[in-house]
Amino acid sequence: MPRFPAKSILLIGLVMAFSSPSHGQQLMIYKEGVSDSQLAKDKNECAQWATQQTGYNPAYAAPPAQTAPDGSRLRGAARGAVVGAVVGEIASDDAGRGAAAGAAGGAMIGGMRKREARRQQQEYQNQVQANYTRAVTTCLQGRGYTVN
């Protein structure tokens, strides 16, 4: 795997943090009379400070994961089939029908759990990115920049 200098990685992180709407909001930064090189220096320093404050570095942020089948539905179906077979046997002497109904219900529950876990992970990631953006904004504003 190729190694990149820390400055290159930080630059990639800055590009992601300051220009990609998919990684938080795009910041509009302005301060009259500031050179491009000074602006870049201030952005870099504020990005480093924001990473220290939040523990998040957009250069190392993983893209949204494509979820592969993890067996949640299959496990749910298996559990449901076992419970359904027992209930079906007790209630109507038809373990097969109970198992089928339990398997269908269990598969639905397994899928719902997986979606909820995915939603919670996305919500957490959004919050971490928002905190990072807020830290960068705070730093730049502290240096006299107008940030929107």
Protein backbone atom coordinates (compact mmCIF):
# COMPACT_ATOMS: atom_id res chain seq x y z
CA MET A 1 0.00 0.00 0.00
CA PRO A 2 1.49 3.38 -0.94
CA ARG A 3 2.32 5.81 1.86
CA PHE A 4 1.28 9.39 1.49
CA PRO A 5 2.89 12.29 3.32
CA ALA A 6 0.83 13.61 6.22
CA LYS A 7 0.35 16.92 4.38
CA SER A 8 -1.21 15.10 1.41
CA ILE A 9 -3.61 13.25 3.68
CA LEU A 10 -4.51 16.46 5.48
CA LEU A 11 -5.07 18.19 2.15
CA ILE A 12 -7.42 15.39 1.09
CA GLY A 13 -9.26 15.79 4.38
CA LEU A 14 -9.56 19.53 3.87
CA VAL A 15 -10.91 19.08 0.38
CA MET A 16 -13.48 16.63 1.71
CA ALA A 17 -14.40 18.80 4.69
CA PHE A 18 -14.65 22.09 2.83
CA SER A 19 -16.05 21.07 -0.53
CA SER A 20 -18.06 17.89 -0.32
CA PRO A 21 -21.71 18.24 0.65
CA SER A 22 -21.84 14.49 1.29
CA HIS A 23 -19.34 14.94 4.15
CA GLY A 24 -21.16 17.68 5.98
CA GLN A 25 -22.12 21.10 4.86
CA GLN A 26 -20.03 23.11 2.44
CA LEU A 27 -18.44 26.06 4.20
CA MET A 28 -18.30 29.48 2.61
CA ILE A 29 -15.32 31.35 4.12
CA TYR A 30 -14.53 35.03 3.71
CA LYS A 31 -12.20 37.61 5.19
CA GLU A 32 -11.30 40.77 3.34
CA GLY A 33 -7.63 41.25 2.54
CA VAL A 34 -6.52 37.67 3.21
CA SER A 35 -4.26 36.01 0.66
CA ASP A 36 -5.03 32.55 -0.69
CA SER A 37 -1.95 31.16 1.05
CA GLN A 38 -3.00 32.65 4.41
CA LEU A 39 -6.51 31.27 3.98
CA ALA A 40 -5.10 27.83 3.20
CA LYS A 41 -2.83 28.01 6.26
CA ASP A 42 -5.71 29.03 8.52
CA LYS A 43 -7.98 26.29 7.12
CA ASN A 44 -5.26 23.72 7.67
CA GLU A 45 -4.63 24.80 11.26
CA CYS A 46 -8.36 24.93 12.04
CA ALA A 47 -8.88 21.48 10.52
CA GLN A 48 -6.11 20.10 12.74
CA TRP A 49 -7.63 21.80 15.78
CA ALA A 50 -11.10 20.47 14.92
CA THR A 51 -9.70 16.94 14.66
CA GLN A 52 -8.08 17.32 18.08
CA GLN A 53 -11.35 18.57 19.56
CA THR A 54 -13.66 15.99 18.01
CA GLY A 55 -11.47 12.98 17.32
CA TYR A 56 -12.79 12.97 13.75
CA ASN A 57 -10.57 13.33 10.71
CA PRO A 58 -12.37 13.47 7.37
CA ALA A 59 -9.25 12.18 5.62
CA TYR A 60 -9.83 8.86 7.35
CA ALA A 61 -13.62 8.84 7.23
CA ALA A 62 -14.97 5.73 5.64
CA PRO A 63 -17.49 6.14 2.85
CA PRO A 64 -20.99 4.87 3.61
CA ALA A 65 -20.77 1.11 3.81
CA GLN A 66 -22.57 -1.06 1.33
CA THR A 67 -24.19 -3.58 3.58
CA ALA A 68 -23.76 -7.16 2.61
CA PRO A 69 -26.18 -9.78 3.82
CA ASP A 70 -25.29 -10.47 7.43
CA GLY A 71 -27.74 -13.21 8.25
CA SER A 72 -30.07 -11.05 10.38
CA ARG A 73 -33.14 -12.21 8.52
CA LEU A 74 -32.00 -15.82 8.40
CA ARG A 75 -31.31 -15.87 12.14
CA GLY A 76 -34.65 -14.16 12.78
CA ALA A 77 -36.42 -16.69 10.59
CA ALA A 78 -34.73 -19.60 12.36
CA ARG A 79 -35.65 -18.29 15.80
CA GLY A 80 -39.18 -17.56 14.66
CA ALA A 81 -39.54 -21.02 13.17
CA VAL A 82 -38.49 -22.67 16.42
CA VAL A 83 -40.86 -20.56 18.51
CA GLY A 84 -43.63 -20.92 15.91
CA ALA A 85 -43.23 -24.70 15.83
CA VAL A 86 -43.57 -24.94 19.59
CA VAL A 87 -46.55 -22.57 19.71
CA GLY A 88 -48.16 -24.25 16.69
CA GLU A 89 -47.78 -27.68 18.25
CA ILE A 90 -49.28 -26.55 21.55
CA ALA A 91 -52.09 -24.46 20.05
CA SER A 92 -53.25 -26.57 17.14
CA ASP A 93 -51.14 -29.70 16.84
CA ASP A 94 -49.67 -28.21 13.63
CA ALA A 95 -46.00 -27.48 14.22
CA GLY A 96 -45.36 -26.98 10.49
CA ARG A 97 -47.85 -24.15 10.12
CA GLY A 98 -46.59 -22.52 13.32
CA ALA A 99 -43.00 -22.82 12.15
CA ALA A 100 -43.82 -21.19 8.80
CA ALA A 101 -45.62 -18.30 10.45
CA GLY A 102 -42.83 -17.89 13.01
CA ALA A 103 -40.17 -17.94 10.29
CA ALA A 104 -41.92 -15.18 8.33
CA GLY A 105 -42.33 -13.04 11.44
CA GLY A 106 -38.76 -13.69 12.57
CA ALA A 107 -37.35 -12.71 9.17
CA MET A 108 -39.25 -9.42 9.31
CA ILE A 109 -37.95 -8.71 12.81
CA GLY A 110 -34.37 -9.52 11.77
CA GLY A 111 -34.64 -7.11 8.82
CA MET A 112 -36.10 -4.38 11.03
CA ARG A 113 -33.23 -4.74 13.51
CA LYS A 114 -30.67 -4.47 10.73
CA ARG A 115 -32.31 -1.32 9.31
CA GLU A 116 -32.47 0.26 12.75
CA ALA A 117 -28.79 -0.46 13.40
CA ARG A 118 -27.90 1.06 10.02
CA ARG A 119 -30.02 4.15 10.78
CA GLN A 120 -28.37 4.60 14.17
CA GLN A 121 -24.89 4.30 12.64
CA GLN A 122 -25.73 6.91 9.98
CA GLU A 123 -27.17 9.24 12.63
CA TYR A 124 -23.99 8.91 14.69
CA GLN A 125 -21.79 9.58 11.65
CA ASN A 126 -23.83 12.67 10.76
CA GLN A 127 -23.46 13.99 14.31
CA VAL A 128 -19.68 13.43 14.33
CA GLN A 129 -19.32 15.24 11.00
CA ALA A 130 -21.53 18.10 12.21
CA ASN A 131 -19.39 18.48 15.35
CA TYR A 132 -16.24 18.58 13.22
CA THR A 133 -17.72 21.22 10.91
CA ARG A 134 -18.84 23.26 13.91
CA ALA A 135 -15.31 23.09 15.38
CA VAL A 136 -13.74 24.23 12.09
CA THR A 137 -16.27 27.07 11.86
CA THR A 138 -15.59 28.14 15.45
CA CYS A 139 -11.84 28.21 14.83
CA LEU A 140 -12.12 30.22 11.62
CA GLN A 141 -14.53 32.68 13.20
CA GLY A 142 -12.10 33.08 16.07
CA ARG A 143 -9.54 34.17 13.49
CA GLY A 144 -11.88 36.82 12.15
CA TYR A 145 -13.36 34.96 9.17
CA THR A 146 -17.01 35.06 8.25
CA VAL A 147 -18.17 31.48 7.81
CA ASN A 148 -21.52 30.32 6.46
